[in-house]
C-alpha atoms as a PDB file:
ATOM      1  CA  GLU A   1      91.538  88.492 108.696  1.00  0.00           C
ATOM      2  CA  GLN A   2      88.268  87.031 106.510  1.00  0.00           C
ATOM      3  CA  LYS A   3      89.491  84.120 105.451  1.00  0.00           C
ATOM      4  CA  THR A   4      89.618  83.006 108.712  1.00  0.00           C
ATOM      5  CA  LYS A   5      86.825  83.891 109.607  1.00  0.00           C
ATOM      6  CA  ILE A   6      85.443  81.403 106.607  1.00  0.00           C
ATOM      7  CA  LEU A   7      87.940  78.606 106.997  1.00  0.00           C
ATOM      8  CA  GLU A   8      86.177  78.126 110.073  1.00  0.00           C
ATOM      9  CA  ALA A   9      82.888  78.634 108.881  1.00  0.00           C
ATOM     10  CA  LEU A  10      83.793  75.406 106.547  1.00  0.00           C
ATOM     11  CA  ARG A  11      84.649  72.919 108.207  1.00  0.00           C
ATOM     12  CA  SER A  12      81.543  71.127 109.256  1.00  0.00           C
ATOM     13  CA  ILE A  13      80.805  71.601 105.426  1.00  0.00           C
ATOM     14  CA  GLU A  14      83.779  70.005 104.558  1.00  0.00           C
ATOM     15  CA  SER A  15      82.339  66.611 103.150  1.00  0.00           C
ATOM     16  CA  GLY A  16      80.092  68.397 101.267  1.00  0.00           C
ATOM     17  CA  LEU A  17      82.467  70.554  99.918  1.00  0.00           C
ATOM     18  CA  ARG A  18      84.782  68.205  98.861  1.00  0.00           C
ATOM     19  CA  ALA A  19      81.882  65.444  97.144  1.00  0.00           C
ATOM     20  CA  SER A  20      81.670  68.860  94.349  1.00  0.00           C
ATOM     21  CA  GLU A  21      83.805  69.367  91.723  1.00  0.00           C
ATOM     22  CA  HIS A  22      84.174  73.595  92.392  1.00  0.00           C
ATOM     23  CA  GLY A  23      83.825  73.257  96.045  1.00  0.00           C
ATOM     24  CA  SER A  24      86.793  71.060  96.304  1.00  0.00           C
ATOM     25  CA  ALA A  25      88.583  73.353  93.775  1.00  0.00           C
ATOM     26  CA  MET A  26      88.243  75.736  96.317  1.00  0.00           C
ATOM     27  CA  LEU A  27      89.306  74.057  99.475  1.00  0.00           C
ATOM     28  CA  SER A  28      92.718  73.638  97.192  1.00  0.00           C
ATOM     29  CA  LYS A  29      92.506  77.717  96.396  1.00  0.00           C
ATOM     30  CA  MET A  30      92.598  78.089 100.178  1.00  0.00           C
ATOM     31  CA  ARG A  31      94.629  76.252 101.532  1.00  0.00           C
ATOM     32  CA  PHE A  32      92.229  74.517 103.352  1.00  0.00           C
ATOM     33  CA  ASP A  33      94.085  71.694 104.235  1.00  0.00           C
ATOM     34  CA  HIS A  34      96.830  73.230 105.344  1.00  0.00           C
ATOM     35  CA  PHE A  35      94.453  76.086 107.929  1.00  0.00           C
ATOM     36  CA  LYS A  36      93.856  72.754 108.818  1.00  0.00           C
ATOM     37  CA  ALA A  37      96.747  70.802 109.971  1.00  0.00           C
ATOM     38  CA  ASN A  38      98.909  73.674 110.790  1.00  0.00           C
ATOM     39  CA  GLN A  39      96.586  77.389 111.171  1.00  0.00           C
ATOM     40  CA  SER A  40      99.761  79.623 112.652  1.00  0.00           C
ATOM     41  CA  SER A  41     102.213  78.329 110.065  1.00  0.00           C
ATOM     42  CA  TRP A  42      98.921  79.192 107.032  1.00  0.00           C
ATOM     43  CA  THR A  43      98.394  81.993 108.874  1.00  0.00           C
ATOM     44  CA  ALA A  44     102.322  83.323 108.351  1.00  0.00           C
ATOM     45  CA  GLN A  45     102.169  82.223 104.547  1.00  0.00           C
ATOM     46  CA  GLN A  46      99.212  83.813 104.075  1.00  0.00           C
ATOM     47  CA  ALA A  47     100.728  87.370 105.637  1.00  0.00           C
ATOM     48  CA  LYS A  48     103.464  86.441 103.420  1.00  0.00           C
ATOM     49  CA  ALA A  49     101.870  86.508 100.320  1.00  0.00           C
ATOM     50  CA  THR A  50      99.984  90.016 101.151  1.00  0.00           C
ATOM     51  CA  ARG A  51     103.845  91.417 102.219  1.00  0.00           C
ATOM     52  CA  THR A  52     104.260  89.962  98.413  1.00  0.00           C
ATOM     53  CA  ARG A  53     101.664  91.736  97.029  1.00  0.00           C
ATOM     54  CA  GLN A  54     102.276  95.114  98.888  1.00  0.00           C
ATOM     55  CA  THR A  55     105.384  95.053  98.025  1.00  0.00           C
ATOM     56  CA  PHE A  56     105.468  94.139  93.814  1.00  0.00           C
ATOM     57  CA  ALA A  57     102.102  96.290  93.687  1.00  0.00           C
ATOM     58  CA  ALA A  58     104.612  99.201  95.313  1.00  0.00           C
ATOM     59  CA  LEU A  59     106.930  98.816  92.812  1.00  0.00           C
ATOM     60  CA  LEU A  60     105.255  98.706  89.782  1.00  0.00           C
ATOM     61  CA  ASP A  61     103.075 102.267  91.313  1.00  0.00           C
ATOM     62  CA  SER A  62     106.476 103.311  91.674  1.00  0.00           C
ATOM     63  CA  GLU A  63     108.075 102.666  88.431  1.00  0.00           C
ATOM     64  CA  GLU A  64     107.991 105.298  85.262  1.00  0.00           C
ATOM     65  CA  THR A  65     106.627 103.636  81.775  1.00  0.00           C
ATOM     66  CA  PRO A  66     107.582 103.349  78.245  1.00  0.00           C
ATOM     67  CA  SER A  67     104.512 105.446  78.001  1.00  0.00           C
ATOM     68  CA  GLY A  68     105.209 107.966  80.855  1.00  0.00           C
ATOM     69  CA  ARG A  69     102.975 106.988  83.228  1.00  0.00           C
ATOM     70  CA  LYS A  70     103.063 105.931  86.536  1.00  0.00           C
ATOM     71  CA  GLY A  71     101.223 102.154  87.027  1.00  0.00           C
ATOM     72  CA  GLN A  72     100.013  99.096  86.532  1.00  0.00           C
ATOM     73  CA  ALA A  73      98.495 100.177  83.247  1.00  0.00           C
ATOM     74  CA  GLY A  74     101.469 100.712  81.379  1.00  0.00           C
ATOM     75  CA  ALA A  75     103.366  98.091  82.147  1.00  0.00           C
ATOM     76  CA  VAL A  76     100.899  96.178  80.833  1.00  0.00           C
ATOM     77  CA  SER A  77     100.597  97.149  77.552  1.00  0.00           C
ATOM     78  CA  ALA A  78     104.616  96.468  77.797  1.00  0.00           C
ATOM     79  CA  ALA A  79     104.634  93.614  78.054  1.00  0.00           C
ATOM     80  CA  SER A  80     101.963  92.866  76.043  1.00  0.00           C
ATOM     81  CA  ALA A  81     104.636  94.671  73.284  1.00  0.00           C
ATOM     82  CA  ALA A  82     106.858  92.861  74.212  1.00  0.00           C
ATOM     83  CA  ARG A  83     104.782  89.426  73.274  1.00  0.00           C
ATOM     84  CA  ARG A  84     103.574  90.888  70.154  1.00  0.00           C
ATOM     85  CA  ASP A  85     107.485  91.836  68.787  1.00  0.00           C
ATOM     86  CA  ALA A  86     108.949  88.406  70.431  1.00  0.00           C
ATOM     87  CA  PRO A  87     110.872  86.402  67.922  1.00  0.00           C
ATOM     88  CA  THR A  88     108.856  83.094  67.393  1.00  0.00           C
ATOM     89  CA  ARG A  89     110.654  79.897  68.075  1.00  0.00           C
ATOM     90  CA  ALA A  90     111.669  79.680  64.944  1.00  0.00           C
ATOM     91  CA  GLY A  91     113.415  83.540  64.787  1.00  0.00           C
ATOM     92  CA  ALA A  92     111.123  85.184  62.187  1.00  0.00           C
ATOM     93  CA  PRO A  93     109.342  87.236  64.020  1.00  0.00           C
ATOM     94  CA  ARG A  94     104.819  86.735  64.571  1.00  0.00           C
ATOM     95  CA  GLY A  95     103.135  86.333  61.514  1.00  0.00           C
ATOM     96  CA  VAL A  96     106.442  86.734  59.561  1.00  0.00           C
ATOM     97  CA  GLN A  97     107.770  83.993  57.482  1.00  0.00           C
ATOM     98  CA  LYS A  98     110.917  83.816  55.859  1.00  0.00           C
ATOM     99  CA  GLY A  99     112.639  81.895  53.153  1.00  0.00           C
ATOM    100  CA  ALA A 100     111.726  80.004  50.229  1.00  0.00           C
ATOM    101  CA  ARG A 101     109.816  77.294  52.344  1.00  0.00           C
ATOM    102  CA  ALA A 102     107.488  80.415  52.970  1.00  0.00           C
ATOM    103  CA  ASP A 103     107.426  81.821  48.665  1.00  0.00           C
ATOM    104  CA  SER A 104     106.312  77.689  48.380  1.00  0.00           C
ATOM    105  CA  MET A 105     103.521  77.770  50.808  1.00  0.00           C
ATOM    106  CA  ARG A 106     102.334  80.991  49.718  1.00  0.00           C
ATOM    107  CA  SER A 107     102.552  79.257  46.298  1.00  0.00           C
ATOM    108  CA  GLU A 108     100.223  76.742  47.378  1.00  0.00           C
ATOM    109  CA  ARG A 109      97.691  78.525  49.557  1.00  0.00           C
ATOM    110  CA  ASN A 110      96.954  80.517  46.455  1.00  0.00           C
ATOM    111  CA  GLY A 111      96.435  77.420  44.500  1.00  0.00           C
ATOM    112  CA  ASN A 112      99.885  77.290  42.389  1.00  0.00           C
ATOM    113  CA  GLY A 113     101.024  74.075  43.444  1.00  0.00           C
ATOM    114  CA  PRO A 114     104.661  73.961  45.009  1.00  0.00           C
ATOM    115  CA  SER A 115     107.190  75.660  43.516  1.00  0.00           C
ATOM    116  CA  HIS A 116     110.291  73.701  43.240  1.00  0.00           C
ATOM    117  CA  PRO A 117     109.654  70.210  41.957  1.00  0.00           C
END
């Protein structure tokens, strides 16, 4: 696998990479310490991650989306719409305020001052 070859090549320059912010982030992202400590375990973890990605890709490609299209783009759009229409912690949809407090806030914004004593 390409990642294995890359990590093998990085062993010789590990100290230089750890000294830089981006290098240490890259080593962390590629799980270099795990690779160094136990290469067979790292390889098994990479294989499991690949299988998981493939399973979810197949699932998303096979599902019919609300727009009637198959594939990931429709699923992303549906998720975005669900998030947009989801209620906030207060219970009202985003951008909607309810009750006297909302009226008061609108009055204050318009320069009319508080609507209650």
